[in-house]
Amino acid sequence: MATPATVTIGCKLPNGLVLQLGQTRHELAGIRASAVIGGYGLTTIPAEFWSAWSRQYAAYPPLMQGLIFAQPTVEKASTQAREQAGLQTGMEPLNPQTPAPGISPV
């Protein structure tokens, strides 16, 4: 549960992500987590750490594309995850019936 000193992070990367600043590390749940909402794994981390990490890595493409986001509460993070459920990561599994344009299954 998020408190004023924490934020809930949504992460849509398949294996999650390890955020690190100095010696402090937080592992984010990804879409392979046991509890996923809208394709996002949710993880609660300290708000101060998130603020520092997101400033330092503001140009990180998954953060800029909305594949990683923060909300002050689990409820708000769940709502945003549902709203962004259709957002594609580019790492989705291939459909074996239509693997790629111009390629057909044998």
C-alpha atoms as a PDB file:
ATOM      1  CA  MET A   1       0.000   0.000   0.000  1.00  0.00           C
ATOM      2  CA  ALA A   2       1.343   3.422  -0.960  1.00  0.00           C
ATOM      3  CA  THR A   3       1.809   6.086   1.709  1.00  0.00           C
ATOM      4  CA  PRO A   4       2.802   9.750   1.266  1.00  0.00           C
ATOM      5  CA  ALA A   5       6.429   8.602   1.463  1.00  0.00           C
ATOM      6  CA  THR A   6       5.940   6.023  -1.313  1.00  0.00           C
ATOM      7  CA  VAL A   7       4.736   5.837  -4.903  1.00  0.00           C
ATOM      8  CA  THR A   8       3.390   2.931  -6.907  1.00  0.00           C
ATOM      9  CA  ILE A   9       5.279   2.264 -10.112  1.00  0.00           C
ATOM     10  CA  GLY A  10       3.672   0.621 -13.129  1.00  0.00           C
ATOM     11  CA  CYS A  11       6.082  -1.264 -15.388  1.00  0.00           C
ATOM     12  CA  LYS A  12       5.072  -2.874 -18.694  1.00  0.00           C
ATOM     13  CA  LEU A  13       8.489  -4.316 -19.544  1.00  0.00           C
ATOM     14  CA  PRO A  14       8.401  -8.133 -19.813  1.00  0.00           C
ATOM     15  CA  ASN A  15      10.910  -8.890 -17.065  1.00  0.00           C
ATOM     16  CA  GLY A  16      10.458  -5.758 -15.011  1.00  0.00           C
ATOM     17  CA  LEU A  17      13.402  -3.488 -14.319  1.00  0.00           C
ATOM     18  CA  VAL A  18      15.972  -2.916 -11.597  1.00  0.00           C
ATOM     19  CA  LEU A  19      16.261   0.760 -10.674  1.00  0.00           C
ATOM     20  CA  GLN A  20      19.552   1.681  -9.022  1.00  0.00           C
ATOM     21  CA  LEU A  21      21.029   4.864  -7.635  1.00  0.00           C
ATOM     22  CA  GLY A  22      24.320   4.379  -5.812  1.00  0.00           C
ATOM     23  CA  GLN A  23      23.931   1.321  -3.599  1.00  0.00           C
ATOM     24  CA  THR A  24      20.119   1.534  -3.432  1.00  0.00           C
ATOM     25  CA  ARG A  25      18.212  -0.829  -5.706  1.00  0.00           C
ATOM     26  CA  HIS A  26      14.508  -1.474  -6.268  1.00  0.00           C
ATOM     27  CA  GLU A  27      13.227  -4.243  -8.508  1.00  0.00           C
ATOM     28  CA  LEU A  28      10.069  -3.413 -10.456  1.00  0.00           C
ATOM     29  CA  ALA A  29       7.566  -6.120 -11.317  1.00  0.00           C
ATOM     30  CA  GLY A  30       6.922  -6.442 -15.043  1.00  0.00           C
ATOM     31  CA  ILE A  31       4.207  -8.089 -17.117  1.00  0.00           C
ATOM     32  CA  ARG A  32       5.319 -11.538 -15.968  1.00  0.00           C
ATOM     33  CA  ALA A  33       4.484 -10.717 -12.336  1.00  0.00           C
ATOM     34  CA  SER A  34       1.805 -12.710 -10.541  1.00  0.00           C
ATOM     35  CA  ALA A  35      -0.527  -9.710 -10.296  1.00  0.00           C
ATOM     36  CA  VAL A  36      -0.757  -7.640 -13.478  1.00  0.00           C
ATOM     37  CA  ILE A  37      -3.215  -4.839 -14.247  1.00  0.00           C
ATOM     38  CA  GLY A  38      -3.589  -3.659 -17.829  1.00  0.00           C
ATOM     39  CA  GLY A  39      -0.314  -5.361 -18.689  1.00  0.00           C
ATOM     40  CA  TYR A  40       1.598  -3.521 -15.950  1.00  0.00           C
ATOM     41  CA  GLY A  41       3.250  -5.010 -12.893  1.00  0.00           C
ATOM     42  CA  LEU A  42       2.845  -2.680  -9.896  1.00  0.00           C
ATOM     43  CA  THR A  43       5.540  -2.075  -7.279  1.00  0.00           C
ATOM     44  CA  THR A  44       5.587   0.362  -4.352  1.00  0.00           C
ATOM     45  CA  ILE A  45       8.906   2.136  -3.724  1.00  0.00           C
ATOM     46  CA  PRO A  46      10.046   5.212  -1.736  1.00  0.00           C
ATOM     47  CA  ALA A  47       8.887   8.469  -3.331  1.00  0.00           C
ATOM     48  CA  GLU A  48      12.233  10.168  -2.707  1.00  0.00           C
ATOM     49  CA  PHE A  49      14.090   7.412  -4.578  1.00  0.00           C
ATOM     50  CA  TRP A  50      11.658   7.597  -7.515  1.00  0.00           C
ATOM     51  CA  SER A  51      11.982  11.371  -7.709  1.00  0.00           C
ATOM     52  CA  ALA A  52      15.779  11.167  -7.876  1.00  0.00           C
ATOM     53  CA  TRP A  53      15.812   8.216 -10.309  1.00  0.00           C
ATOM     54  CA  SER A  54      13.244   9.709 -12.688  1.00  0.00           C
ATOM     55  CA  ARG A  55      15.137  13.021 -12.782  1.00  0.00           C
ATOM     56  CA  GLN A  56      18.438  11.278 -13.540  1.00  0.00           C
ATOM     57  CA  TYR A  57      16.918   9.024 -16.223  1.00  0.00           C
ATOM     58  CA  ALA A  58      14.301  11.395 -17.642  1.00  0.00           C
ATOM     59  CA  ALA A  59      15.391  10.574 -21.217  1.00  0.00           C
ATOM     60  CA  TYR A  60      15.093   6.788 -20.710  1.00  0.00           C
ATOM     61  CA  PRO A  61      12.827   5.678 -23.607  1.00  0.00           C
ATOM     62  CA  PRO A  62      10.484   3.350 -21.612  1.00  0.00           C
ATOM     63  CA  LEU A  63       9.911   6.172 -19.113  1.00  0.00           C
ATOM     64  CA  MET A  64       9.270   8.694 -21.891  1.00  0.00           C
ATOM     65  CA  GLN A  65       6.883   6.287 -23.692  1.00  0.00           C
ATOM     66  CA  GLY A  66       4.756   5.580 -20.609  1.00  0.00           C
ATOM     67  CA  LEU A  67       5.929   1.985 -20.203  1.00  0.00           C
ATOM     68  CA  ILE A  68       7.070   2.979 -16.714  1.00  0.00           C
ATOM     69  CA  PHE A  69       5.046   5.467 -14.685  1.00  0.00           C
ATOM     70  CA  ALA A  70       4.465   6.508 -11.068  1.00  0.00           C
ATOM     71  CA  GLN A  71       1.316   7.372  -9.153  1.00  0.00           C
ATOM     72  CA  PRO A  72       0.900   8.344  -5.486  1.00  0.00           C
ATOM     73  CA  THR A  73      -1.501   5.463  -4.710  1.00  0.00           C
ATOM     74  CA  VAL A  74      -2.089   1.891  -5.813  1.00  0.00           C
ATOM     75  CA  GLU A  75      -5.619   2.852  -6.891  1.00  0.00           C
ATOM     76  CA  LYS A  76      -4.381   5.636  -9.181  1.00  0.00           C
ATOM     77  CA  ALA A  77      -1.648   3.391 -10.591  1.00  0.00           C
ATOM     78  CA  SER A  78      -4.237   0.667 -11.276  1.00  0.00           C
ATOM     79  CA  THR A  79      -6.464   3.178 -13.054  1.00  0.00           C
ATOM     80  CA  GLN A  80      -3.603   4.467 -15.225  1.00  0.00           C
ATOM     81  CA  ALA A  81      -2.517   0.900 -16.024  1.00  0.00           C
ATOM     82  CA  ARG A  82      -6.040   0.037 -17.222  1.00  0.00           C
ATOM     83  CA  GLU A  83      -6.200   3.237 -19.297  1.00  0.00           C
ATOM     84  CA  GLN A  84      -2.860   2.429 -20.969  1.00  0.00           C
ATOM     85  CA  ALA A  85      -3.557  -1.284 -21.482  1.00  0.00           C
ATOM     86  CA  GLY A  86      -3.345  -0.906 -25.270  1.00  0.00           C
ATOM     87  CA  LEU A  87       0.103   0.708 -25.184  1.00  0.00           C
ATOM     88  CA  GLN A  88       2.560  -1.514 -27.081  1.00  0.00           C
ATOM     89  CA  THR A  89       6.106  -2.166 -25.878  1.00  0.00           C
ATOM     90  CA  GLY A  90       7.464  -3.634 -29.104  1.00  0.00           C
ATOM     91  CA  MET A  91       8.367  -6.766 -27.128  1.00  0.00           C
ATOM     92  CA  GLU A  92       5.028  -8.551 -27.496  1.00  0.00           C
ATOM     93  CA  PRO A  93       5.136 -12.182 -28.626  1.00  0.00           C
ATOM     94  CA  LEU A  94       4.744 -12.830 -32.353  1.00  0.00           C
ATOM     95  CA  ASN A  95       1.490 -14.246 -33.680  1.00  0.00           C
ATOM     96  CA  PRO A  96       2.514 -17.516 -35.365  1.00  0.00           C
ATOM     97  CA  GLN A  97      -0.259 -17.107 -37.964  1.00  0.00           C
ATOM     98  CA  THR A  98       0.979 -13.658 -39.044  1.00  0.00           C
ATOM     99  CA  PRO A  99       4.581 -13.364 -37.798  1.00  0.00           C
ATOM    100  CA  ALA A 100       5.556 -10.270 -39.810  1.00  0.00           C
ATOM    101  CA  PRO A 101       4.555  -8.351 -42.931  1.00  0.00           C
ATOM    102  CA  GLY A 102       5.426 -10.384 -46.018  1.00  0.00           C
ATOM    103  CA  ILE A 103       6.111 -13.576 -44.054  1.00  0.00           C
ATOM    104  CA  SER A 104       3.625 -16.439 -44.007  1.00  0.00           C
ATOM    105  CA  PRO A 105       3.731 -19.620 -41.926  1.00  0.00           C
ATOM    106  CA  VAL A 106       4.833 -22.778 -43.728  1.00  0.00           C
END
